N, C-alpha and C. Protein backbone atom coordinates (compact mmCIF):
# COMPACT_ATOMS: atom_id res chain seq x y z
N UNK A 1 -110.86 73.09 -55.61
CA UNK A 1 -112.70 72.99 -56.77
C UNK A 1 -112.32 73.05 -58.24
N UNK A 2 -112.55 71.57 -58.22
CA UNK A 2 -112.76 70.69 -59.53
C UNK A 2 -112.80 71.42 -60.88
N UNK A 3 -114.15 72.07 -60.37
CA UNK A 3 -115.22 73.11 -61.65
C UNK A 3 -114.32 74.49 -62.18
N UNK A 4 -113.66 74.67 -60.76
CA UNK A 4 -112.78 75.43 -61.53
C UNK A 4 -110.93 75.15 -62.47
N UNK A 5 -110.84 74.12 -61.81
CA UNK A 5 -109.55 73.39 -62.64
C UNK A 5 -110.29 73.09 -63.88
N UNK A 6 -111.63 72.66 -63.93
CA UNK A 6 -111.88 71.76 -65.31
C UNK A 6 -111.64 73.01 -66.43
N UNK A 7 -112.28 74.63 -65.79
CA UNK A 7 -112.27 75.39 -66.92
C UNK A 7 -111.44 76.08 -67.27
N UNK A 8 -110.38 76.33 -66.13
CA UNK A 8 -108.98 77.04 -66.55
C UNK A 8 -108.14 76.17 -67.43
N UNK A 9 -108.99 74.45 -66.87
CA UNK A 9 -108.45 73.57 -68.46
C UNK A 9 -108.64 73.80 -69.56
N UNK A 10 -109.79 74.25 -69.91
CA UNK A 10 -110.82 74.56 -70.81
C UNK A 10 -110.31 75.50 -71.74
N UNK A 11 -110.71 76.65 -70.78
CA UNK A 11 -110.48 77.91 -71.04
C UNK A 11 -109.47 78.77 -71.06
N UNK A 12 -108.51 78.54 -70.22
CA UNK A 12 -107.57 79.33 -69.97
C UNK A 12 -106.08 78.88 -71.14
N UNK A 13 -105.38 80.33 -71.33
CA UNK A 13 -104.41 80.38 -72.09
C UNK A 13 -103.51 80.73 -71.55
N UNK A 14 -101.84 79.72 -71.74
CA UNK A 14 -101.18 79.46 -71.35
C UNK A 14 -100.45 80.82 -72.53
N UNK A 15 -99.86 81.86 -71.81
CA UNK A 15 -99.30 82.86 -72.80
C UNK A 15 -97.65 82.10 -72.86
N UNK A 16 -97.39 82.26 -71.47
CA UNK A 16 -96.00 81.88 -71.28
C UNK A 16 -96.00 81.06 -69.87
N UNK A 17 -94.65 81.10 -70.10
CA UNK A 17 -93.95 80.12 -68.90
C UNK A 17 -94.85 80.75 -67.27
N UNK A 18 -94.68 82.10 -67.49
CA UNK A 18 -94.99 82.62 -66.03
C UNK A 18 -96.16 83.29 -66.27
N UNK A 19 -97.60 83.41 -67.27
CA UNK A 19 -98.75 84.12 -67.33
C UNK A 19 -99.93 82.96 -67.75
N UNK A 20 -100.97 83.87 -67.29
CA UNK A 20 -102.09 82.37 -67.35
C UNK A 20 -103.11 83.02 -67.72
N UNK A 21 -103.67 83.57 -69.45
CA UNK A 21 -104.99 84.13 -69.48
C UNK A 21 -106.26 83.88 -68.88
N UNK A 22 -106.93 84.17 -68.03
CA UNK A 22 -107.78 83.50 -67.61
C UNK A 22 -109.61 84.61 -67.99
N UNK A 23 -109.25 85.62 -69.09
CA UNK A 23 -110.33 85.95 -69.26
C UNK A 23 -111.43 85.82 -70.09
N UNK A 24 -111.79 84.58 -70.00
CA UNK A 24 -113.21 84.04 -70.39
C UNK A 24 -114.25 83.30 -68.93
N UNK A 25 -113.07 83.21 -67.29
CA UNK A 25 -113.85 83.26 -67.21
C UNK A 25 -113.77 84.18 -65.51
N UNK A 26 -112.61 84.84 -65.66
CA UNK A 26 -112.46 85.64 -64.51
C UNK A 26 -111.82 87.14 -64.53
N UNK A 27 -111.31 87.55 -65.77
CA UNK A 27 -111.01 88.60 -66.13
C UNK A 27 -110.98 89.76 -66.97
N UNK A 28 -112.39 89.19 -67.45
CA UNK A 28 -112.55 90.28 -68.65
C UNK A 28 -113.74 89.77 -68.74
N UNK A 29 -114.02 88.68 -68.75
CA UNK A 29 -115.93 87.91 -68.31
C UNK A 29 -115.94 87.59 -67.63
N UNK A 30 -116.80 87.02 -67.27
CA UNK A 30 -117.37 86.52 -65.80
C UNK A 30 -118.23 85.87 -66.14
N UNK A 31 -118.23 84.38 -65.23
CA UNK A 31 -119.46 83.41 -65.19
C UNK A 31 -120.03 83.18 -63.84
N UNK A 32 -120.54 83.95 -63.85
CA UNK A 32 -121.82 84.48 -62.34
C UNK A 32 -121.95 83.24 -61.75
N UNK A 33 -122.60 82.44 -62.39
CA UNK A 33 -122.73 81.33 -61.82
C UNK A 33 -121.45 80.47 -60.60
N UNK A 34 -120.28 80.38 -61.50
CA UNK A 34 -118.97 80.00 -61.11
C UNK A 34 -118.56 80.46 -60.13
N UNK A 35 -118.69 81.83 -60.38
CA UNK A 35 -117.79 82.83 -59.23
C UNK A 35 -118.73 83.34 -57.74
N UNK A 36 -120.23 82.72 -57.97
CA UNK A 36 -121.03 82.73 -56.53
C UNK A 36 -120.26 81.52 -56.04
N UNK A 37 -120.28 79.78 -56.69
CA UNK A 37 -119.40 78.93 -56.18
C UNK A 37 -118.21 78.97 -55.47
N UNK A 38 -117.53 79.88 -56.12
CA UNK A 38 -116.07 80.76 -55.75
C UNK A 38 -116.41 81.41 -54.28
N UNK A 39 -117.19 83.10 -54.23
CA UNK A 39 -117.92 83.08 -53.13
C UNK A 39 -117.92 82.16 -51.76
N UNK A 40 -119.17 80.76 -52.60
CA UNK A 40 -119.37 80.47 -51.28
C UNK A 40 -117.94 79.43 -50.79
N UNK A 41 -117.63 79.32 -51.52
CA UNK A 41 -115.99 78.45 -51.04
C UNK A 41 -115.66 78.98 -50.04
N UNK A 42 -114.84 80.46 -50.24
CA UNK A 42 -114.03 81.21 -49.91
C UNK A 42 -114.88 81.59 -48.38
N UNK A 43 -116.33 81.56 -48.15
CA UNK A 43 -116.99 81.85 -47.13
C UNK A 43 -116.88 80.96 -46.42
N UNK A 44 -117.65 79.81 -46.33
CA UNK A 44 -116.98 78.73 -45.69
C UNK A 44 -115.98 77.80 -45.09
N UNK A 45 -115.04 78.53 -45.88
CA UNK A 45 -113.56 78.48 -44.76
C UNK A 45 -113.40 79.29 -43.89
N UNK A 46 -113.96 80.75 -44.10
CA UNK A 46 -113.39 81.29 -42.79
C UNK A 46 -114.46 81.69 -41.90
N UNK A 47 -115.65 80.54 -42.28
CA UNK A 47 -116.78 80.64 -41.54
C UNK A 47 -116.58 80.93 -39.76
N UNK A 48 -115.58 80.25 -39.78
CA UNK A 48 -114.83 80.48 -38.08
C UNK A 48 -114.80 81.94 -38.13
N UNK A 49 -114.80 82.44 -38.61
CA UNK A 49 -113.58 84.09 -38.56
C UNK A 49 -114.45 84.86 -37.86
N UNK A 50 -114.89 86.07 -37.47
CA UNK A 50 -115.85 86.68 -37.45
C UNK A 50 -115.67 88.24 -38.56
N UNK A 51 -115.66 88.22 -39.62
CA UNK A 51 -115.47 88.52 -40.62
C UNK A 51 -116.53 90.16 -40.62
N UNK A 52 -115.69 91.44 -40.93
CA UNK A 52 -116.69 92.17 -40.83
C UNK A 52 -116.82 92.57 -42.34
N UNK A 53 -115.76 92.78 -43.26
CA UNK A 53 -115.65 92.90 -44.70
C UNK A 53 -114.92 92.66 -45.18
N UNK A 54 -115.05 92.37 -46.64
CA UNK A 54 -114.39 91.42 -47.78
C UNK A 54 -113.74 92.79 -48.23
N UNK A 55 -112.43 92.49 -48.40
CA UNK A 55 -111.48 93.63 -48.74
C UNK A 55 -110.80 93.19 -50.40
N UNK A 56 -110.68 93.79 -51.98
CA UNK A 56 -109.48 93.13 -52.59
C UNK A 56 -109.43 94.89 -53.10
N UNK A 57 -108.43 94.30 -54.37
CA UNK A 57 -108.18 95.65 -55.08
C UNK A 57 -109.09 95.35 -55.98
N UNK A 58 -109.42 96.49 -56.96
CA UNK A 58 -109.43 97.04 -57.87
C UNK A 58 -108.79 96.35 -58.81
N UNK A 59 -108.96 95.33 -60.16
CA UNK A 59 -110.64 95.21 -60.40
C UNK A 59 -111.13 93.83 -60.49
N UNK A 60 -110.00 93.05 -61.37
CA UNK A 60 -110.72 91.95 -61.20
C UNK A 60 -110.94 90.71 -60.20
N UNK A 61 -110.91 91.26 -58.88
CA UNK A 61 -111.13 90.69 -57.60
C UNK A 61 -112.44 90.71 -57.30
N UNK A 62 -112.77 91.69 -57.59
CA UNK A 62 -114.31 92.62 -57.30
C UNK A 62 -115.30 91.65 -56.84
N UNK A 63 -115.65 90.58 -58.85
CA UNK A 63 -116.53 90.03 -58.88
C UNK A 63 -116.34 89.15 -57.43
N UNK A 64 -115.73 87.90 -57.73
CA UNK A 64 -115.30 87.46 -56.69
C UNK A 64 -115.50 87.77 -54.94
N UNK A 65 -114.69 88.61 -54.34
CA UNK A 65 -115.20 89.57 -53.81
C UNK A 65 -116.75 89.79 -53.33
N UNK A 66 -117.44 89.92 -54.00
CA UNK A 66 -118.60 90.45 -53.86
C UNK A 66 -119.19 89.20 -53.93
N UNK A 67 -118.84 87.94 -54.28
CA UNK A 67 -119.76 86.38 -54.29
C UNK A 67 -119.23 86.54 -52.85
N UNK A 68 -118.28 86.34 -52.31
CA UNK A 68 -118.19 86.42 -50.59
C UNK A 68 -118.49 86.85 -49.73
N UNK A 69 -118.31 88.39 -49.69
CA UNK A 69 -119.55 89.08 -49.01
C UNK A 69 -120.90 89.05 -49.14
N UNK A 70 -120.82 89.05 -50.14
CA UNK A 70 -122.71 88.33 -49.67
C UNK A 70 -122.95 87.06 -49.32
N UNK A 71 -122.02 86.45 -49.70
CA UNK A 71 -122.55 84.92 -48.97
C UNK A 71 -122.37 85.13 -47.21
N UNK A 72 -121.39 86.00 -46.82
CA UNK A 72 -121.10 86.77 -45.08
C UNK A 72 -121.77 86.97 -44.71
N UNK A 73 -122.50 88.15 -46.06
CA UNK A 73 -123.60 89.51 -45.45
C UNK A 73 -122.76 90.49 -44.66
N UNK A 74 -121.70 90.90 -45.31
CA UNK A 74 -120.66 91.98 -45.15
C UNK A 74 -120.86 92.68 -46.10
N UNK A 75 -120.33 94.00 -45.62
CA UNK A 75 -119.73 94.83 -46.95
C UNK A 75 -118.59 94.53 -47.60
N UNK A 76 -118.73 94.67 -48.87
CA UNK A 76 -117.40 94.71 -49.51
C UNK A 76 -116.90 95.78 -49.94
N UNK A 77 -115.47 96.51 -49.71
CA UNK A 77 -114.49 97.71 -49.91
C UNK A 77 -113.36 96.94 -50.62
N UNK A 78 -113.49 97.64 -51.95
CA UNK A 78 -112.01 97.77 -52.82
C UNK A 78 -111.26 98.87 -52.82
N UNK A 79 -110.18 98.27 -52.68
CA UNK A 79 -109.07 99.35 -52.79
C UNK A 79 -108.46 99.82 -54.53
N UNK A 80 -108.80 101.17 -53.96
CA UNK A 80 -108.81 101.39 -56.03
C UNK A 80 -107.12 102.16 -55.86
N UNK A 81 -107.09 102.19 -57.86
CA UNK A 81 -106.02 102.26 -58.51
C UNK A 81 -106.20 103.34 -59.34
N UNK A 82 -106.42 104.45 -59.22
CA UNK A 82 -107.20 105.09 -59.99
C UNK A 82 -107.41 106.27 -59.18
N UNK A 83 -106.22 107.21 -58.24
CA UNK A 83 -107.03 108.42 -57.94
C UNK A 83 -108.05 109.45 -58.69
N UNK A 84 -108.91 109.77 -58.19
CA UNK A 84 -110.03 110.06 -58.56
C UNK A 84 -110.18 112.22 -58.29
N UNK A 85 -110.97 112.79 -58.82
CA UNK A 85 -111.07 114.23 -58.67
C UNK A 85 -111.52 113.78 -56.77
N UNK A 86 -112.46 113.29 -56.17
CA UNK A 86 -113.32 113.39 -55.10
C UNK A 86 -112.59 112.77 -54.30
N UNK A 87 -111.32 112.20 -54.63
CA UNK A 87 -110.63 111.48 -53.35
C UNK A 87 -110.17 112.01 -52.18
N UNK A 88 -110.05 111.37 -51.32
CA UNK A 88 -109.61 111.40 -49.66
C UNK A 88 -108.33 111.84 -49.81
N UNK A 89 -107.93 113.40 -49.33
CA UNK A 89 -106.58 113.07 -49.75
C UNK A 89 -105.69 112.37 -48.41
N UNK A 90 -106.08 112.16 -47.82
CA UNK A 90 -105.45 111.59 -46.45
C UNK A 90 -105.51 110.39 -46.38
N UNK A 91 -106.24 109.35 -47.99
CA UNK A 91 -106.58 108.07 -47.78
C UNK A 91 -104.95 107.17 -47.48
N UNK A 92 -105.10 105.93 -47.47
CA UNK A 92 -104.39 104.61 -47.02
C UNK A 92 -103.86 104.52 -48.16
N UNK A 93 -103.05 104.70 -48.75
CA UNK A 93 -102.29 104.82 -50.09
C UNK A 93 -100.59 103.63 -49.88
N UNK A 94 -100.82 103.29 -50.63
CA UNK A 94 -99.65 102.71 -50.79
C UNK A 94 -99.07 101.81 -52.65
N UNK A 95 -97.57 101.82 -52.95
CA UNK A 95 -97.74 101.99 -53.91
C UNK A 95 -97.05 100.52 -54.55
N UNK A 96 -97.49 100.04 -55.69
CA UNK A 96 -98.00 98.31 -55.27
C UNK A 96 -97.03 98.03 -57.48
N UNK A 97 -96.36 97.15 -57.32
CA UNK A 97 -96.18 96.83 -59.04
C UNK A 97 -96.52 95.75 -59.11
N UNK A 98 -97.90 95.66 -60.87
CA UNK A 98 -98.08 94.60 -60.87
C UNK A 98 -97.78 93.69 -61.75
N UNK A 99 -97.18 92.45 -61.84
CA UNK A 99 -97.20 92.01 -62.28
C UNK A 99 -97.28 91.88 -63.82
N UNK A 100 -99.15 91.31 -64.03
CA UNK A 100 -99.32 91.18 -65.14
C UNK A 100 -99.70 92.41 -66.41
N UNK A 101 -99.42 93.03 -65.12
CA UNK A 101 -99.62 94.85 -66.21
C UNK A 101 -98.16 95.34 -66.45
N UNK A 102 -97.13 94.76 -65.92
CA UNK A 102 -96.07 95.42 -65.96
C UNK A 102 -96.19 96.80 -65.28
N UNK A 103 -96.51 97.37 -64.54
CA UNK A 103 -96.63 98.77 -64.35
C UNK A 103 -97.00 98.76 -62.81
N UNK A 104 -96.56 99.87 -61.71
CA UNK A 104 -96.03 100.35 -61.19
C UNK A 104 -98.04 101.34 -60.88
N UNK A 105 -98.16 100.64 -60.14
CA UNK A 105 -99.54 102.12 -59.49
C UNK A 105 -99.66 102.41 -57.64
N UNK A 106 -100.71 102.97 -57.39
CA UNK A 106 -100.75 103.08 -56.09
C UNK A 106 -101.93 102.80 -55.88
N UNK A 107 -102.67 102.04 -54.71
CA UNK A 107 -103.96 101.51 -54.54
C UNK A 107 -104.18 101.79 -53.37
N UNK A 108 -105.28 102.67 -52.82
CA UNK A 108 -105.83 103.39 -51.74
C UNK A 108 -107.20 102.81 -51.66
N UNK A 109 -107.22 103.45 -50.29
CA UNK A 109 -108.34 103.12 -49.69
C UNK A 109 -108.52 103.87 -48.56
N UNK A 110 -110.27 104.92 -48.24
CA UNK A 110 -110.64 105.65 -47.96
C UNK A 110 -110.72 105.31 -46.34
N UNK A 111 -109.67 106.17 -45.31
CA UNK A 111 -110.16 105.99 -43.66
C UNK A 111 -111.63 106.03 -43.49
N UNK A 112 -112.39 106.24 -44.33
CA UNK A 112 -113.49 106.19 -43.97
C UNK A 112 -114.11 104.52 -43.55
N UNK A 113 -113.66 104.31 -44.70
CA UNK A 113 -114.28 102.57 -44.47
C UNK A 113 -113.16 101.38 -43.80
N UNK A 114 -112.18 101.56 -42.72
CA UNK A 114 -111.73 100.59 -42.78
C UNK A 114 -110.82 101.36 -41.26
N UNK A 115 -111.12 100.84 -40.33
CA UNK A 115 -110.79 100.93 -38.53
C UNK A 115 -110.49 99.85 -38.19
N UNK A 116 -109.66 99.79 -37.16
CA UNK A 116 -109.47 99.01 -35.69
C UNK A 116 -110.43 98.43 -35.50
N UNK A 117 -112.01 98.55 -35.97
CA UNK A 117 -112.89 97.73 -35.29
C UNK A 117 -113.20 96.46 -36.64
N UNK A 118 -112.55 96.48 -37.96
CA UNK A 118 -112.36 95.64 -38.66
C UNK A 118 -112.01 94.35 -38.43
N UNK A 119 -112.03 93.18 -38.88
CA UNK A 119 -111.53 92.07 -39.05
C UNK A 119 -112.26 91.76 -40.17
N UNK A 120 -110.68 91.67 -41.85
CA UNK A 120 -111.94 91.43 -42.87
C UNK A 120 -110.61 90.81 -43.65
N UNK A 121 -111.68 89.75 -45.04
CA UNK A 121 -110.43 88.59 -45.98
C UNK A 121 -110.30 89.42 -47.15
N UNK A 122 -109.33 89.22 -47.77
CA UNK A 122 -108.73 89.96 -48.37
C UNK A 122 -108.82 88.91 -49.61
N UNK A 123 -109.80 89.02 -50.57
CA UNK A 123 -110.27 88.37 -51.81
C UNK A 123 -109.57 88.35 -53.18
N UNK A 124 -108.57 88.14 -53.14
CA UNK A 124 -107.76 88.61 -55.24
C UNK A 124 -108.30 87.62 -55.64
N UNK A 125 -107.67 87.82 -57.05
CA UNK A 125 -108.13 86.68 -58.49
C UNK A 125 -106.74 85.70 -58.58
N UNK A 126 -105.99 86.59 -58.62
CA UNK A 126 -104.83 85.47 -59.29
C UNK A 126 -103.52 85.91 -58.25
N UNK A 127 -101.96 85.25 -57.73
CA UNK A 127 -101.40 85.47 -56.76
C UNK A 127 -100.21 84.64 -57.40
N UNK A 128 -99.48 85.73 -58.25
CA UNK A 128 -98.07 85.93 -58.38
C UNK A 128 -97.30 85.85 -57.70
N UNK A 129 -96.42 87.60 -57.69
CA UNK A 129 -95.14 87.68 -57.01
C UNK A 129 -96.01 88.27 -55.18
N UNK A 130 -96.95 88.10 -55.45
CA UNK A 130 -97.08 89.19 -53.89
C UNK A 130 -97.07 89.77 -53.82
N UNK A 131 -97.04 91.73 -54.68
CA UNK A 131 -96.99 92.34 -55.06
C UNK A 131 -98.05 93.57 -54.34
N UNK A 132 -99.23 93.24 -55.24
CA UNK A 132 -100.67 93.68 -54.43
C UNK A 132 -101.00 93.26 -53.00
N UNK A 133 -100.97 91.93 -53.12
CA UNK A 133 -100.98 91.16 -51.71
C UNK A 133 -100.10 92.29 -50.37
N UNK A 134 -99.13 92.26 -50.65
CA UNK A 134 -98.30 92.89 -49.19
C UNK A 134 -98.46 94.42 -49.63
N UNK A 135 -99.26 95.10 -50.65
CA UNK A 135 -98.99 96.25 -50.52
C UNK A 135 -100.69 96.50 -49.72
N UNK A 136 -101.84 95.57 -49.94
CA UNK A 136 -102.76 96.23 -49.80
C UNK A 136 -103.09 95.18 -47.76
N UNK A 137 -102.03 94.42 -48.07
CA UNK A 137 -102.01 94.06 -46.15
C UNK A 137 -100.99 94.97 -45.82
N UNK A 138 -100.31 96.24 -46.41
CA UNK A 138 -99.40 97.45 -45.88
C UNK A 138 -101.10 97.97 -45.04
N UNK A 139 -101.89 98.29 -45.80
CA UNK A 139 -102.34 99.75 -45.90
C UNK A 139 -103.60 98.55 -44.62
N UNK A 140 -104.09 97.61 -44.32
CA UNK A 140 -104.66 97.39 -43.59
C UNK A 140 -104.17 97.70 -41.90
N UNK A 141 -102.81 96.76 -41.95
CA UNK A 141 -101.94 97.41 -41.13
C UNK A 141 -102.16 98.95 -40.17
N UNK A 142 -101.74 99.73 -41.22
CA UNK A 142 -101.88 101.11 -40.99
C UNK A 142 -103.41 101.35 -40.78
N UNK A 143 -104.70 101.16 -41.26
CA UNK A 143 -105.77 101.78 -40.64
C UNK A 143 -105.65 100.73 -39.31
N UNK A 144 -105.10 100.46 -38.52
CA UNK A 144 -105.35 99.10 -37.04
C UNK A 144 -106.79 97.98 -37.51
N UNK A 145 -107.15 97.66 -37.90
CA UNK A 145 -107.70 96.58 -39.00
C UNK A 145 -107.13 95.85 -39.07
N UNK A 146 -108.11 94.23 -38.18
CA UNK A 146 -106.88 93.01 -38.18
C UNK A 146 -107.53 92.52 -39.68
N UNK A 147 -106.52 91.75 -39.97
CA UNK A 147 -106.29 90.32 -41.16
C UNK A 147 -106.66 89.19 -41.24
N UNK A 148 -107.61 88.21 -41.53
CA UNK A 148 -108.22 87.27 -40.73
C UNK A 148 -107.57 85.97 -42.08
N UNK A 149 -107.06 86.70 -42.96
CA UNK A 149 -106.25 85.68 -44.39
C UNK A 149 -106.74 86.77 -46.11
N UNK A 150 -106.57 85.26 -46.41
CA UNK A 150 -106.32 85.36 -47.63
C UNK A 150 -107.36 84.31 -48.40
N UNK A 151 -108.25 84.72 -49.12
CA UNK A 151 -108.28 84.14 -50.03
C UNK A 151 -108.00 83.99 -51.78
N UNK A 152 -107.39 83.35 -52.90
CA UNK A 152 -107.26 83.65 -53.76
C UNK A 152 -107.50 82.63 -55.06
N UNK A 153 -107.89 82.89 -55.48
CA UNK A 153 -109.08 82.41 -56.57
C UNK A 153 -107.79 81.36 -57.37
N UNK A 154 -106.70 82.38 -57.87
CA UNK A 154 -105.67 81.41 -58.35
C UNK A 154 -104.04 81.19 -57.86
N UNK A 155 -103.39 80.68 -57.17
CA UNK A 155 -102.15 81.07 -56.74
C UNK A 155 -101.16 80.13 -57.65
N UNK A 156 -100.43 80.80 -57.96
CA UNK A 156 -99.17 80.37 -58.88
C UNK A 156 -98.45 80.05 -58.21
N UNK A 157 -98.24 78.54 -57.29
CA UNK A 157 -97.10 78.19 -56.68
C UNK A 157 -95.92 78.49 -57.10
N UNK A 158 -95.84 78.27 -58.36
CA UNK A 158 -93.85 79.03 -58.70
C UNK A 158 -93.34 79.59 -58.57
N UNK A 159 -94.02 80.78 -58.75
CA UNK A 159 -93.66 82.15 -58.20
C UNK A 159 -94.21 82.29 -56.80
N UNK A 160 -93.63 83.11 -55.83
CA UNK A 160 -93.44 83.24 -54.34
C UNK A 160 -94.16 83.91 -54.05
N UNK A 161 -95.30 84.22 -54.34
CA UNK A 161 -96.07 84.92 -53.86
C UNK A 161 -97.12 84.50 -52.40
N UNK A 162 -97.55 83.22 -52.84
CA UNK A 162 -98.80 82.84 -51.52
C UNK A 162 -97.51 82.20 -50.20
N UNK A 163 -96.91 81.47 -51.05
CA UNK A 163 -95.55 80.95 -50.05
C UNK A 163 -94.93 81.78 -49.08
N UNK A 164 -94.20 83.28 -49.32
CA UNK A 164 -93.77 84.34 -48.67
C UNK A 164 -94.85 84.96 -47.67
N UNK A 165 -95.83 84.28 -48.66
CA UNK A 165 -97.27 85.04 -47.00
C UNK A 165 -97.56 84.43 -45.85
N UNK A 166 -97.28 83.09 -46.59
CA UNK A 166 -97.48 81.86 -45.67
C UNK A 166 -96.38 82.07 -44.73
N UNK A 167 -95.22 82.62 -45.07
CA UNK A 167 -93.51 82.18 -43.81
C UNK A 167 -93.95 83.52 -42.85
N UNK A 168 -94.59 84.51 -43.32
CA UNK A 168 -95.28 85.38 -42.31
C UNK A 168 -96.07 85.14 -41.55
N UNK A 169 -96.75 83.82 -41.78
CA UNK A 169 -97.72 83.59 -40.49
C UNK A 169 -98.96 84.08 -41.22
N UNK A 170 -99.49 84.33 -42.54
CA UNK A 170 -100.95 84.69 -42.90
C UNK A 170 -101.34 83.59 -43.49
N UNK A 171 -102.53 83.46 -43.32
CA UNK A 171 -103.15 82.26 -43.30
C UNK A 171 -103.64 82.44 -45.19
N UNK A 172 -103.12 81.90 -45.85
CA UNK A 172 -103.49 82.18 -47.07
C UNK A 172 -104.54 80.68 -47.85
N UNK A 173 -105.33 80.56 -48.34
CA UNK A 173 -106.61 80.17 -49.05
C UNK A 173 -106.56 79.85 -50.45
N UNK A 174 -106.50 79.48 -51.14
CA UNK A 174 -106.53 79.24 -52.59
C UNK A 174 -107.40 77.79 -52.96
N UNK A 175 -108.12 78.35 -54.20
CA UNK A 175 -109.34 77.59 -54.77
C UNK A 175 -108.38 76.15 -55.62
N UNK A 176 -107.25 76.89 -56.56
CA UNK A 176 -106.80 75.99 -57.53
C UNK A 176 -105.17 76.97 -56.98
N UNK A 177 -104.20 75.74 -57.19
CA UNK A 177 -102.94 76.26 -56.99
C UNK A 177 -101.82 75.52 -58.42
N UNK A 178 -101.80 76.20 -59.06
CA UNK A 178 -100.44 75.88 -60.25
C UNK A 178 -99.48 75.26 -59.84
N UNK A 179 -98.55 74.63 -60.37
CA UNK A 179 -97.51 74.66 -60.01
C UNK A 179 -96.69 74.65 -61.73
N UNK A 180 -97.30 74.76 -62.75
CA UNK A 180 -96.35 75.00 -63.70
C UNK A 180 -97.01 75.54 -64.98
N UNK A 181 -96.51 76.11 -65.88
CA UNK A 181 -97.69 76.20 -66.93
C UNK A 181 -96.46 76.43 -67.94
N UNK A 182 -95.80 75.63 -68.07
CA UNK A 182 -94.36 75.38 -68.29
C UNK A 182 -94.53 74.38 -69.78
N UNK A 183 -94.23 74.70 -71.24
CA UNK A 183 -94.69 73.64 -72.62
C UNK A 183 -96.09 73.85 -72.88
N UNK A 184 -96.68 75.05 -72.51
CA UNK A 184 -98.24 75.88 -72.51
C UNK A 184 -98.64 75.17 -71.97
N UNK A 185 -98.70 74.18 -70.40
CA UNK A 185 -99.41 73.38 -70.28
C UNK A 185 -99.67 73.77 -68.69
N UNK A 186 -100.77 73.58 -68.35
CA UNK A 186 -101.40 74.39 -66.88
C UNK A 186 -101.59 72.89 -66.17
N UNK A 187 -100.76 73.07 -65.15
CA UNK A 187 -100.53 71.56 -64.21
C UNK A 187 -100.60 72.14 -62.91
N UNK A 188 -101.85 71.48 -62.00
CA UNK A 188 -101.83 71.92 -60.83
C UNK A 188 -101.20 71.09 -60.10
N UNK A 189 -101.19 71.67 -58.63
CA UNK A 189 -100.26 71.24 -57.96
C UNK A 189 -101.30 70.82 -56.71
C-alpha cells in the first residue's frame, strides 16, 4: 500500500535498528480513513476464503482487525492480555513474549467464541519475531478452528517472524515489508 508507505516515511520514528515507532497512525492514535483502507485491502486479499471471524491480539491490532471484520461482514474476536475477574477459568491461554514491550504476558480467548466451526483470519499491526502470532496460532489450533492466514500491517522482514510462519506453510499477507531500519532510515523491500 503506497499510502501506508508514505505515512510511515512521514510519521514513523526509527527508535533503533530494530524498533519503529508508529504511534501517530497505528499504535496510539488511529487514522480512521487509513485504517479502513487497510481493512478493505486485507478483506480483498482473503476474499476467496470462507472467513467466519477475524481475530487479533489486544490492543494495537484491534482497529485494523475491526476494519477488516466489518468489510468481510464477520465478527471480530480478540485475545485478551489481562485476566479479568469475569474471565473464563478454562479459557484457551498461551504465554507469549512481546518484542516491543519487553515483557511476557498471557493471551487468552474464551472457548465460547472460537471453535471447530470457525475459519479465522488473524490480523495484526506489526510482526517482528512472531512470538505473539505463534501463541495465538496455538490457541486457534487448540480450539479446533482453522486458520486462513495472517494479515500484517507492517512486517519487519529483517526479523524472523513472517519468514518462519511462511516456512511453516502459513499464508502471511503484509501491507508493507521493511527491509531495514539501519542508520535511522526506513527501507522497504
